[in-house]
Protein backbone atom coordinates (compact mmCIF):
# COMPACT_ATOMS: atom_id res chain seq x y z
CA MET A 1 -7.08 27.71 -46.96
CA GLU A 2 -7.74 24.39 -45.06
CA GLN A 3 -4.00 24.01 -44.38
CA GLU A 4 -3.72 27.53 -42.96
CA VAL A 5 -6.65 26.76 -40.61
CA ALA A 6 -5.06 23.46 -39.62
CA HIS A 7 -1.69 25.19 -39.02
CA ALA A 8 -3.44 27.78 -36.80
CA ALA A 9 -5.20 25.15 -34.73
CA THR A 10 -1.94 23.27 -34.25
CA GLU A 11 -0.23 26.50 -33.08
CA ALA A 12 -3.12 27.23 -30.72
CA VAL A 13 -2.94 23.76 -29.15
CA THR A 14 0.73 23.94 -28.85
CA SER A 15 0.59 27.27 -27.12
CA ASN A 16 -2.07 26.06 -24.80
CA LEU A 17 0.01 22.96 -23.88
CA GLU A 18 2.97 25.22 -23.15
CA SER A 19 0.74 27.35 -20.91
CA VAL A 20 -0.55 24.35 -19.08
CA ARG A 21 3.06 23.08 -18.52
CA LEU A 22 4.20 26.44 -17.18
CA ILE A 23 1.24 26.59 -14.73
CA ALA A 24 1.91 22.93 -13.63
CA MET A 25 5.63 23.73 -13.03
CA ALA A 26 4.67 26.91 -11.10
CA PHE A 27 2.22 24.92 -8.91
CA ALA A 28 4.80 22.23 -8.27
CA ILE A 29 7.38 24.67 -7.25
CA ALA A 30 4.88 26.65 -5.16
CA VAL A 31 3.44 23.69 -3.22
CA GLY A 32 6.78 21.93 -3.15
CA GLY A 33 8.43 24.84 -1.48
CA MET A 34 5.64 26.00 0.74
CA PHE A 35 5.06 22.89 2.73
CA PRO A 36 8.63 21.92 3.49
CA ALA A 37 9.22 25.54 4.63
CA LEU A 38 6.28 25.24 7.03
CA GLY A 39 7.69 21.86 8.26
CA ILE A 40 11.17 23.22 8.74
CA SER A 41 9.83 26.21 10.61
CA LYS A 42 7.76 23.89 12.76
CA VAL A 43 10.59 21.57 13.46
CA GLY A 44 12.93 24.59 14.40
CA ALA A 45 10.32 26.07 16.77
CA LYS A 46 9.71 22.84 18.53
CA ALA A 47 13.46 22.27 18.88
CA MET A 48 14.07 25.70 20.32
CA GLU A 49 11.22 25.13 22.75
CA SER A 50 12.46 21.86 23.91
CA ILE A 51 15.99 23.25 24.24
CA GLY A 52 14.42 26.01 26.36
CA ARG A 53 12.79 23.60 28.58
CA ASN A 54 15.79 21.20 28.88
CA PRO A 55 19.15 22.93 27.97
CA GLU A 56 21.15 19.80 28.95
CA ALA A 57 19.61 18.02 25.98
CA ALA A 58 20.45 20.72 23.34
CA SER A 59 23.09 18.52 21.54
CA LYS A 60 20.66 15.63 21.10
CA VAL A 61 17.87 17.86 20.11
CA GLN A 62 19.95 19.83 17.71
CA THR A 63 21.16 16.57 15.87
CA ALA A 64 17.64 15.29 15.61
CA MET A 65 16.48 18.69 14.27
CA LEU A 66 19.17 18.92 11.64
CA ILE A 67 18.44 15.34 10.46
CA GLY A 68 14.70 15.91 10.20
CA ALA A 69 15.28 19.28 8.45
CA ALA A 70 17.43 17.55 5.90
CA PHE A 71 14.73 14.96 5.22
CA ILE A 72 12.08 17.76 4.95
CA GLU A 73 14.36 19.71 2.57
CA ALA A 74 14.55 16.60 0.34
CA ILE A 75 10.98 16.89 -0.36
CA ALA A 76 11.46 20.33 -1.76
CA ILE A 77 14.21 18.99 -4.03
CA TYR A 78 11.83 16.28 -5.22
CA ALA A 79 9.48 19.12 -6.16
CA LEU A 80 12.19 20.89 -7.98
CA VAL A 81 12.95 17.72 -9.97
CA VAL A 82 9.29 17.23 -10.83
CA ALA A 83 9.14 20.83 -12.05
CA LEU A 84 12.14 20.42 -14.25
CA ILE A 85 10.64 17.18 -15.65
CA ILE A 86 7.49 19.13 -16.50
CA LYS A 87 9.45 21.79 -18.19
CA PHE A 88 11.85 19.75 -20.25
CA VAL A 89 9.75 16.61 -21.14
């Protein structure tokens, strides 16, 4: 009887741990995808605004925008890595 109770308690703890891991993984992906998306949209909007004000500088602005967007996107990839670590470790 005591072994059955101990086994049930162990299963409950394991189930709760899996639930917490899934919630943490979802939170990491949600936040890690939301803020880089907002950053890229802001970079793109400001680049288009600056190109509209000074069309001659379009190539310089576009280059800087793409480099900035790549760095911002790297943050989203880090969030994906963190979520995968949470899932598999």
